[in-house]
Amino acid sequence: MPRIAGFEIPANKRIEIGLTYIYGIGRSVSNEILKKAGVDSDKRANKLEESEISTLQSIIQNEYRIGGELRREVQDNVKRLKVTGTYRGLRHKRGLPVRGQRTKTNARAKRGKRRTVGSSKKEVTKAPAS
């Protein structure tokens, strides 16, 4: 398993797919990186030479934000939206969909498990014997 930018790349996968295991790199960025490095995208990750791995590593570290740095940036952006009180920030704060999706139906992932008002059984109280 080659290690690129602190991430383990699966050995048996094509390098084009293997690079997508790094947080912040998708298919299009992966192809862009491989084109810059001059590496064949059909090559398996375990067949890469040390020189190819080092060029990929240098390109990724110098030109792209990945991993923890990218996660931190996204968190900071969300925090900034919450502090400034924007509409998107309020939606983040309340745990609701941010990008205009409907919430009357759907949005179960964001809003949680559905609870209906009449579904819970009320405890039956006994009338005092007279």
C-alpha atoms as a PDB file:
ATOM      1  CA  MET A   1       0.000   0.000   0.000  1.00  0.00           C
ATOM      2  CA  PRO A   2       1.640   3.241  -1.075  1.00  0.00           C
ATOM      3  CA  ARG A   3       1.372   6.146   1.343  1.00  0.00           C
ATOM      4  CA  ILE A   4       0.713   9.531  -0.264  1.00  0.00           C
ATOM      5  CA  ALA A   5       0.297  12.743   1.769  1.00  0.00           C
ATOM      6  CA  GLY A   6      -0.284  10.747   4.952  1.00  0.00           C
ATOM      7  CA  PHE A   7      -3.060   8.575   3.475  1.00  0.00           C
ATOM      8  CA  GLU A   8      -2.909   4.877   2.650  1.00  0.00           C
ATOM      9  CA  ILE A   9      -3.806   4.223  -0.994  1.00  0.00           C
ATOM     10  CA  PRO A  10      -5.295   0.748  -1.667  1.00  0.00           C
ATOM     11  CA  ALA A  11      -2.680  -1.301  -3.508  1.00  0.00           C
ATOM     12  CA  ASN A  12      -4.930  -3.259  -5.869  1.00  0.00           C
ATOM     13  CA  LYS A  13      -6.943  -0.265  -7.153  1.00  0.00           C
ATOM     14  CA  ARG A  14      -6.147   1.885 -10.171  1.00  0.00           C
ATOM     15  CA  ILE A  15      -4.292   4.998  -9.053  1.00  0.00           C
ATOM     16  CA  GLU A  16      -7.075   7.189 -10.496  1.00  0.00           C
ATOM     17  CA  ILE A  17      -9.508   5.619  -8.004  1.00  0.00           C
ATOM     18  CA  GLY A  18      -6.949   5.204  -5.219  1.00  0.00           C
ATOM     19  CA  LEU A  19      -6.302   8.938  -4.984  1.00  0.00           C
ATOM     20  CA  THR A  20     -10.005   9.526  -4.261  1.00  0.00           C
ATOM     21  CA  TYR A  21      -9.491   7.835  -0.870  1.00  0.00           C
ATOM     22  CA  ILE A  22      -7.817  11.092   0.194  1.00  0.00           C
ATOM     23  CA  TYR A  23     -10.322  13.539   1.720  1.00  0.00           C
ATOM     24  CA  GLY A  24     -10.706  16.455  -0.679  1.00  0.00           C
ATOM     25  CA  ILE A  25      -9.762  14.620  -3.881  1.00  0.00           C
ATOM     26  CA  GLY A  26     -12.446  13.382  -6.252  1.00  0.00           C
ATOM     27  CA  ARG A  27     -12.279  11.822  -9.697  1.00  0.00           C
ATOM     28  CA  SER A  28     -11.750  15.024 -11.677  1.00  0.00           C
ATOM     29  CA  VAL A  29      -9.048  16.353  -9.335  1.00  0.00           C
ATOM     30  CA  SER A  30      -7.434  12.898  -9.326  1.00  0.00           C
ATOM     31  CA  ASN A  31      -7.218  12.910 -13.130  1.00  0.00           C
ATOM     32  CA  GLU A  32      -5.853  16.467 -13.056  1.00  0.00           C
ATOM     33  CA  ILE A  33      -3.103  15.466 -10.597  1.00  0.00           C
ATOM     34  CA  LEU A  34      -2.148  12.399 -12.647  1.00  0.00           C
ATOM     35  CA  LYS A  35      -1.964  14.481 -15.829  1.00  0.00           C
ATOM     36  CA  LYS A  36       0.362  17.007 -14.115  1.00  0.00           C
ATOM     37  CA  ALA A  37       2.552  14.200 -12.757  1.00  0.00           C
ATOM     38  CA  GLY A  38       2.627  12.358 -16.082  1.00  0.00           C
ATOM     39  CA  VAL A  39       1.389   9.100 -14.545  1.00  0.00           C
ATOM     40  CA  ASP A  40      -0.891   6.697 -16.427  1.00  0.00           C
ATOM     41  CA  SER A  41      -4.321   6.635 -14.758  1.00  0.00           C
ATOM     42  CA  ASP A  42      -4.784   2.911 -15.539  1.00  0.00           C
ATOM     43  CA  LYS A  43      -1.709   1.948 -13.527  1.00  0.00           C
ATOM     44  CA  ARG A  44      -2.314   0.049 -10.280  1.00  0.00           C
ATOM     45  CA  ALA A  45      -1.203   1.722  -7.063  1.00  0.00           C
ATOM     46  CA  ASN A  46       1.165  -1.105  -6.116  1.00  0.00           C
ATOM     47  CA  LYS A  47       2.931  -0.817  -9.507  1.00  0.00           C
ATOM     48  CA  LEU A  48       3.926   2.835  -8.963  1.00  0.00           C
ATOM     49  CA  GLU A  49       7.619   3.622  -8.814  1.00  0.00           C
ATOM     50  CA  GLU A  50       9.146   5.678  -5.982  1.00  0.00           C
ATOM     51  CA  SER A  51       9.751   8.626  -8.315  1.00  0.00           C
ATOM     52  CA  GLU A  52       6.072   8.664  -9.377  1.00  0.00           C
ATOM     53  CA  ILE A  53       4.923   8.503  -5.756  1.00  0.00           C
ATOM     54  CA  SER A  54       7.180  11.408  -4.785  1.00  0.00           C
ATOM     55  CA  THR A  55       5.961  13.578  -7.700  1.00  0.00           C
ATOM     56  CA  LEU A  56       2.323  12.826  -6.802  1.00  0.00           C
ATOM     57  CA  GLN A  57       3.066  13.649  -3.167  1.00  0.00           C
ATOM     58  CA  SER A  58       4.714  16.975  -4.004  1.00  0.00           C
ATOM     59  CA  ILE A  59       1.907  18.030  -6.381  1.00  0.00           C
ATOM     60  CA  ILE A  60      -0.798  17.178  -3.825  1.00  0.00           C
ATOM     61  CA  GLN A  61       0.933  18.925  -0.916  1.00  0.00           C
ATOM     62  CA  ASN A  62       1.877  22.076  -2.827  1.00  0.00           C
ATOM     63  CA  GLU A  63      -1.272  22.711  -4.874  1.00  0.00           C
ATOM     64  CA  TYR A  64      -4.272  21.244  -2.991  1.00  0.00           C
ATOM     65  CA  ARG A  65      -5.831  21.475   0.453  1.00  0.00           C
ATOM     66  CA  ILE A  66      -6.609  17.993   1.735  1.00  0.00           C
ATOM     67  CA  GLY A  67      -7.382  16.083   4.905  1.00  0.00           C
ATOM     68  CA  GLY A  68      -7.401  17.884   8.241  1.00  0.00           C
ATOM     69  CA  GLU A  69      -6.570  21.271   6.774  1.00  0.00           C
ATOM     70  CA  LEU A  70      -9.604  21.119   4.462  1.00  0.00           C
ATOM     71  CA  ARG A  71     -11.910  19.865   7.243  1.00  0.00           C
ATOM     72  CA  ARG A  72     -10.746  22.725   9.484  1.00  0.00           C
ATOM     73  CA  GLU A  73     -11.409  25.258   6.725  1.00  0.00           C
ATOM     74  CA  VAL A  74     -14.936  23.924   6.176  1.00  0.00           C
ATOM     75  CA  GLN A  75     -15.616  24.015   9.936  1.00  0.00           C
ATOM     76  CA  ASP A  76     -14.345  27.592  10.119  1.00  0.00           C
ATOM     77  CA  ASN A  77     -16.614  28.605   7.240  1.00  0.00           C
ATOM     78  CA  VAL A  78     -19.672  27.103   8.943  1.00  0.00           C
ATOM     79  CA  LYS A  79     -18.715  28.729  12.267  1.00  0.00           C
ATOM     80  CA  ARG A  80     -18.354  32.109  10.513  1.00  0.00           C
ATOM     81  CA  LEU A  81     -21.846  31.743   9.013  1.00  0.00           C
ATOM     82  CA  LYS A  82     -23.295  30.942  12.442  1.00  0.00           C
ATOM     83  CA  VAL A  83     -21.580  33.902  14.135  1.00  0.00           C
ATOM     84  CA  THR A  84     -22.598  36.442  11.493  1.00  0.00           C
ATOM     85  CA  GLY A  85     -26.204  35.258  11.771  1.00  0.00           C
ATOM     86  CA  THR A  86     -26.773  34.584   8.096  1.00  0.00           C
ATOM     87  CA  TYR A  87     -29.732  32.497   6.964  1.00  0.00           C
ATOM     88  CA  ARG A  88     -27.413  29.591   6.132  1.00  0.00           C
ATOM     89  CA  GLY A  89     -25.798  29.932   9.543  1.00  0.00           C
ATOM     90  CA  LEU A  90     -29.167  29.741  11.283  1.00  0.00           C
ATOM     91  CA  ARG A  91     -30.059  26.624   9.308  1.00  0.00           C
ATOM     92  CA  HIS A  92     -26.755  25.032  10.380  1.00  0.00           C
ATOM     93  CA  LYS A  93     -27.441  26.006  14.003  1.00  0.00           C
ATOM     94  CA  ARG A  94     -30.944  24.508  13.980  1.00  0.00           C
ATOM     95  CA  GLY A  95     -29.820  21.326  12.224  1.00  0.00           C
ATOM     96  CA  LEU A  96     -32.031  21.876   9.188  1.00  0.00           C
ATOM     97  CA  PRO A  97     -31.220  21.525   5.466  1.00  0.00           C
ATOM     98  CA  VAL A  98     -29.114  24.469   4.313  1.00  0.00           C
ATOM     99  CA  ARG A  99     -29.408  24.390   0.540  1.00  0.00           C
ATOM    100  CA  GLY A 100     -33.102  25.056  -0.028  1.00  0.00           C
ATOM    101  CA  GLN A 101     -34.506  21.547   0.286  1.00  0.00           C
ATOM    102  CA  ARG A 102     -38.080  21.099   1.450  1.00  0.00           C
ATOM    103  CA  THR A 103     -38.708  20.053   5.028  1.00  0.00           C
ATOM    104  CA  LYS A 104     -42.452  19.305   5.166  1.00  0.00           C
ATOM    105  CA  THR A 105     -41.646  15.863   3.835  1.00  0.00           C
ATOM    106  CA  ASN A 106     -38.155  14.390   3.529  1.00  0.00           C
ATOM    107  CA  ALA A 107     -35.147  15.849   5.403  1.00  0.00           C
ATOM    108  CA  ARG A 108     -35.188  12.833   7.751  1.00  0.00           C
ATOM    109  CA  ALA A 109     -31.402  12.658   7.849  1.00  0.00           C
ATOM    110  CA  LYS A 110     -31.134  16.216   9.156  1.00  0.00           C
ATOM    111  CA  ARG A 111     -34.252  16.365  11.350  1.00  0.00           C
ATOM    112  CA  GLY A 112     -33.997  12.938  12.943  1.00  0.00           C
ATOM    113  CA  LYS A 113     -36.431  10.077  13.438  1.00  0.00           C
ATOM    114  CA  ARG A 114     -40.066  10.951  12.901  1.00  0.00           C
ATOM    115  CA  ARG A 115     -42.212  11.395  16.008  1.00  0.00           C
ATOM    116  CA  THR A 116     -45.942  11.780  15.564  1.00  0.00           C
ATOM    117  CA  VAL A 117     -48.113  13.349  18.245  1.00  0.00           C
ATOM    118  CA  GLY A 118     -50.854  10.729  18.511  1.00  0.00           C
ATOM    119  CA  SER A 119     -48.677   7.667  18.285  1.00  0.00           C
ATOM    120  CA  SER A 120     -47.617   7.322  21.916  1.00  0.00           C
ATOM    121  CA  LYS A 121     -50.050   5.508  24.192  1.00  0.00           C
ATOM    122  CA  LYS A 122     -51.328   7.455  27.154  1.00  0.00           C
ATOM    123  CA  GLU A 123     -51.140   5.850  30.554  1.00  0.00           C
ATOM    124  CA  VAL A 124     -54.602   4.817  31.700  1.00  0.00           C
ATOM    125  CA  THR A 125     -55.459   6.070  35.199  1.00  0.00           C
ATOM    126  CA  LYS A 126     -57.936   4.154  37.320  1.00  0.00           C
ATOM    127  CA  ALA A 127     -60.943   6.023  38.643  1.00  0.00           C
ATOM    128  CA  PRO A 128     -61.174   5.975  42.432  1.00  0.00           C
ATOM    129  CA  ALA A 129     -63.608   3.366  43.736  1.00  0.00           C
ATOM    130  CA  SER A 130     -66.633   4.900  45.383  1.00  0.00           C
END
